[in-house]
């Protein structure tokens, strides 16, 4: 990697490290985050040169810079979460992440899942089974309920009408005297805000344990 390219990569890595560091200041030094990102980039020189090449069109180069910054953010988060897990003593696969698709299923079945989970917890508390899995899922349901409560009341109502009452977007639009496109936009936006409230998208490509659709559905069987 030539010196000019390395300087650009260093500047981007520094910016990302400053953005990520406040969340993990207790566990990771900002300079360590920056160094980890630089090591990551040195192992992928071909990709870096492709993204930041000055020989390409300006708009393509800007897109490459954005791609590198986004990739650095994802990698920095993974690195810091792993370090935090080591120091606290848990495994990163124990963390849960939510997708908009999973939230659609959870919202649609929230009352039934909470009732079922309550019964399971009652049975577990009287026996010798390990309650960890059930308690984790119960906590995630409580988090989803809290995230719903943080939404704008109209957005929350739209989600309930759509996923709990099973109304179509057109029916919701008619009930609330809004356009179909407005309902689509607000429902999608509300789901994305819930994902953010619940910790953001899963930054891991494989080693991370997200609550799966299969697990959510299995709780109702």
Protein backbone atom coordinates (compact mmCIF):
# COMPACT_ATOMS: atom_id res chain seq x y z
CA UNK A 1 0.00 0.00 0.00
CA UNK A 2 1.54 3.33 -1.01
CA UNK A 3 2.02 6.13 1.52
CA UNK A 4 -0.80 8.29 0.11
CA UNK A 5 -3.30 5.47 0.34
CA UNK A 6 -2.08 4.51 3.83
CA UNK A 7 -2.59 8.10 4.98
CA UNK A 8 -6.18 8.07 3.73
CA UNK A 9 -6.88 4.72 5.38
CA UNK A 10 -5.36 6.00 8.64
CA UNK A 11 -7.60 9.07 8.60
CA UNK A 12 -10.72 6.97 8.05
CA UNK A 13 -9.65 4.49 10.73
CA UNK A 14 -9.05 7.35 13.18
CA UNK A 15 -12.50 8.82 12.51
CA UNK A 16 -14.23 5.46 12.97
CA UNK A 17 -12.26 4.71 16.15
CA UNK A 18 -13.43 8.02 17.62
CA UNK A 19 -17.04 7.16 16.76
CA UNK A 20 -16.93 3.64 18.20
CA UNK A 21 -14.73 4.23 21.24
CA UNK A 22 -17.26 5.96 23.57
CA UNK A 23 -19.34 2.76 23.71
CA UNK A 24 -16.35 0.66 24.76
CA UNK A 25 -14.07 3.14 26.55
CA UNK A 26 -13.87 0.94 29.64
CA UNK A 27 -12.69 -2.08 27.68
CA UNK A 28 -10.71 -0.77 24.72
CA UNK A 29 -8.27 2.12 24.18
CA UNK A 30 -9.04 4.27 21.16
CA UNK A 31 -5.53 3.78 19.75
CA UNK A 32 -5.96 0.01 19.97
CA UNK A 33 -9.15 0.23 17.90
CA UNK A 34 -7.34 2.29 15.29
CA UNK A 35 -4.43 -0.17 15.15
CA UNK A 36 -6.75 -3.14 14.76
CA UNK A 37 -8.44 -1.44 11.81
CA UNK A 38 -5.11 -0.65 10.18
CA UNK A 39 -4.00 -4.27 10.58
CA UNK A 40 -7.27 -5.39 9.03
CA UNK A 41 -6.73 -3.09 6.04
CA UNK A 42 -3.11 -4.18 5.50
CA UNK A 43 -4.33 -7.74 5.06
CA UNK A 44 -6.73 -6.57 2.36
CA UNK A 45 -4.64 -4.19 0.27
CA UNK A 46 -6.28 -5.24 -3.00
CA UNK A 47 -9.73 -4.38 -1.68
CA UNK A 48 -8.53 -1.07 -0.21
CA UNK A 49 -6.87 -0.06 -3.50
CA UNK A 50 -10.04 -0.96 -5.37
CA UNK A 51 -12.18 1.23 -3.10
CA UNK A 52 -9.83 4.24 -2.85
CA UNK A 53 -8.14 4.26 -6.25
CA UNK A 54 -7.64 7.76 -7.67
CA UNK A 55 -7.92 6.33 -11.18
CA UNK A 56 -11.69 5.84 -10.91
CA UNK A 57 -14.48 8.35 -11.31
CA UNK A 58 -14.91 10.76 -8.38
CA UNK A 59 -18.36 9.43 -7.47
CA UNK A 60 -17.04 5.85 -7.47
CA UNK A 61 -14.14 6.87 -5.25
CA UNK A 62 -16.52 8.60 -2.83
CA UNK A 63 -18.63 5.44 -2.77
CA UNK A 64 -15.46 3.45 -1.99
CA UNK A 65 -14.62 5.74 0.91
CA UNK A 66 -18.12 5.28 2.31
CA UNK A 67 -17.82 1.51 1.88
CA UNK A 68 -14.49 1.43 3.73
CA UNK A 69 -15.87 3.57 6.56
CA UNK A 70 -18.93 1.33 6.87
CA UNK A 71 -16.74 -1.79 6.84
CA UNK A 72 -14.42 -0.27 9.47
CA UNK A 73 -17.43 0.52 11.69
CA UNK A 74 -18.64 -3.07 11.46
CA UNK A 75 -15.18 -4.51 12.12
CA UNK A 76 -14.47 -2.14 15.00
CA UNK A 77 -17.74 -3.08 16.64
CA UNK A 78 -16.94 -6.78 16.29
CA UNK A 79 -13.45 -6.29 17.72
CA UNK A 80 -14.67 -4.26 20.68
CA UNK A 81 -17.56 -6.60 21.46
CA UNK A 82 -15.15 -9.53 21.51
CA UNK A 83 -12.78 -7.72 23.87
CA UNK A 84 -15.66 -6.71 26.12
CA UNK A 85 -16.89 -10.31 26.22
CA UNK A 86 -13.44 -11.56 27.24
CA UNK A 87 -13.09 -9.03 30.05
CA UNK A 88 -16.61 -9.48 31.42
CA UNK A 89 -16.61 -13.25 31.03
CA UNK A 90 -19.40 -14.04 28.60
CA UNK A 91 -19.42 -15.33 25.05
CA UNK A 92 -20.40 -13.14 22.12
CA UNK A 93 -22.79 -15.80 20.87
CA UNK A 94 -24.94 -15.07 23.94
CA UNK A 95 -25.89 -11.64 22.57
CA UNK A 96 -29.17 -11.22 20.75
CA UNK A 97 -29.87 -9.11 17.67
CA UNK A 98 -33.10 -8.37 15.90
CA UNK A 99 -34.04 -8.00 12.24
CA UNK A 100 -37.14 -6.20 10.99
CA UNK A 101 -38.48 -9.57 9.81
CA UNK A 102 -38.10 -11.10 13.27
CA UNK A 103 -39.74 -8.08 14.87
CA UNK A 104 -42.73 -8.50 12.56
CA UNK A 105 -43.16 -12.05 13.86
CA UNK A 106 -42.61 -11.12 17.50
CA UNK A 107 -45.06 -8.20 17.39
CA UNK A 108 -47.68 -10.37 15.69
CA UNK A 109 -47.39 -13.05 18.39
CA UNK A 110 -46.24 -10.94 21.35
CA UNK A 111 -49.19 -11.55 23.67
CA UNK A 112 -49.25 -15.29 22.97
CA UNK A 113 -45.47 -15.59 23.39
CA UNK A 114 -45.54 -13.73 26.70
CA UNK A 115 -48.35 -15.91 28.01
CA UNK A 116 -46.58 -19.07 26.87
CA UNK A 117 -43.28 -17.89 28.33
CA UNK A 118 -44.98 -17.12 31.64
CA UNK A 119 -46.26 -20.67 31.83
CA UNK A 120 -42.88 -22.10 30.95
CA UNK A 121 -41.16 -19.99 33.59
CA UNK A 122 -43.66 -21.16 36.19
CA UNK A 123 -42.93 -24.78 35.34
CA UNK A 124 -39.17 -24.24 35.22
CA UNK A 125 -39.06 -22.44 38.55
CA UNK A 126 -40.47 -25.50 40.27
CA UNK A 127 -38.05 -27.96 38.68
CA UNK A 128 -34.40 -28.54 38.20
CA UNK A 129 -34.06 -27.46 34.55
CA UNK A 130 -31.67 -24.74 33.53
CA UNK A 131 -33.88 -21.66 33.10
CA UNK A 132 -31.27 -19.61 31.22
CA UNK A 133 -32.68 -20.09 27.76
CA UNK A 134 -36.25 -19.39 28.80
CA UNK A 135 -35.27 -16.39 30.88
CA UNK A 136 -33.22 -14.94 28.01
CA UNK A 137 -36.18 -15.23 25.68
CA UNK A 138 -38.51 -13.73 28.28
CA UNK A 139 -36.12 -10.79 28.63
CA UNK A 140 -36.06 -10.31 24.87
CA UNK A 141 -39.87 -10.19 24.79
CA UNK A 142 -39.83 -7.54 27.52
CA UNK A 143 -37.27 -5.56 25.49
CA UNK A 144 -39.51 -5.71 22.41
CA UNK A 145 -42.45 -4.47 24.48
CA UNK A 146 -40.35 -1.57 25.83
CA UNK A 147 -39.12 -0.70 22.34
CA UNK A 148 -42.72 -0.53 21.13
CA UNK A 149 -43.57 1.85 23.96
CA UNK A 150 -40.77 4.20 22.89
CA UNK A 151 -42.26 4.70 19.44
CA UNK A 152 -44.52 7.55 18.41
CA UNK A 153 -48.06 6.52 19.47
CA UNK A 154 -49.34 6.59 15.89
CA UNK A 155 -46.43 4.48 14.64
CA UNK A 156 -47.03 1.99 17.46
CA UNK A 157 -50.72 1.87 16.57
CA UNK A 158 -49.86 1.17 12.94
CA UNK A 159 -47.62 -1.75 13.93
CA UNK A 160 -50.34 -3.18 16.15
CA UNK A 161 -52.97 -2.79 13.42
CA UNK A 162 -50.69 -4.35 10.82
CA UNK A 163 -49.16 -7.26 12.73
CA UNK A 164 -51.51 -7.96 15.64
CA UNK A 165 -54.85 -7.20 13.98
CA UNK A 166 -53.71 -8.36 10.53
CA UNK A 167 -54.98 -5.31 8.64
CA UNK A 168 -53.62 -4.49 5.20
CA UNK A 169 -51.76 -1.26 4.55
CA UNK A 170 -54.78 -0.03 2.60
CA UNK A 171 -57.10 -0.78 5.52
CA UNK A 172 -54.81 1.03 7.96
CA UNK A 173 -54.61 3.99 5.60
CA UNK A 174 -58.40 4.11 5.46
CA UNK A 175 -58.78 3.89 9.25
CA UNK A 176 -56.23 6.65 9.89
CA UNK A 177 -57.08 8.76 6.83
CA UNK A 178 -53.57 8.52 5.41
CA UNK A 179 -52.17 7.43 2.07
CA UNK A 180 -50.98 3.86 1.51
CA UNK A 181 -47.44 5.11 0.85
CA UNK A 182 -47.40 7.02 4.14
CA UNK A 183 -48.44 3.93 6.07
CA UNK A 184 -45.79 1.82 4.29
CA UNK A 185 -43.11 4.40 5.06
CA UNK A 186 -44.06 4.83 8.71
CA UNK A 187 -44.39 1.10 9.41
CA UNK A 188 -40.99 0.37 7.83
CA UNK A 189 -39.44 3.32 9.63
CA UNK A 190 -40.90 2.22 12.97
CA UNK A 191 -39.47 -1.30 12.57
CA UNK A 192 -36.04 0.13 11.77
CA UNK A 193 -36.21 2.40 14.82
CA UNK A 194 -37.07 -0.60 16.97
CA UNK A 195 -34.01 -2.45 15.62
CA UNK A 196 -31.89 0.56 16.58
CA UNK A 197 -33.48 0.82 20.04
CA UNK A 198 -32.79 -2.89 20.59
CA UNK A 199 -29.09 -2.55 19.82
CA UNK A 200 -28.83 -2.27 16.07
CA UNK A 201 -28.31 -4.83 13.35
CA UNK A 202 -26.19 -7.92 13.91
CA UNK A 203 -22.57 -6.90 13.16
CA UNK A 204 -21.41 -10.51 13.00
CA UNK A 205 -21.33 -12.56 9.85
CA UNK A 206 -21.52 -15.98 11.47
CA UNK A 207 -20.18 -16.37 14.99
CA UNK A 208 -22.90 -14.24 16.54
CA UNK A 209 -26.14 -15.74 17.85
CA UNK A 210 -29.16 -13.74 16.74
CA UNK A 211 -32.59 -14.78 17.92
CA UNK A 212 -33.73 -16.80 14.93
CA UNK A 213 -37.17 -16.97 13.40
CA UNK A 214 -37.19 -20.67 14.15
CA UNK A 215 -36.58 -20.07 17.86
CA UNK A 216 -39.36 -17.47 18.05
CA UNK A 217 -41.83 -19.75 16.33
CA UNK A 218 -40.75 -22.75 18.41
CA UNK A 219 -41.80 -20.94 21.58
CA UNK A 220 -45.41 -21.08 20.43
CA UNK A 221 -45.44 -24.81 19.66
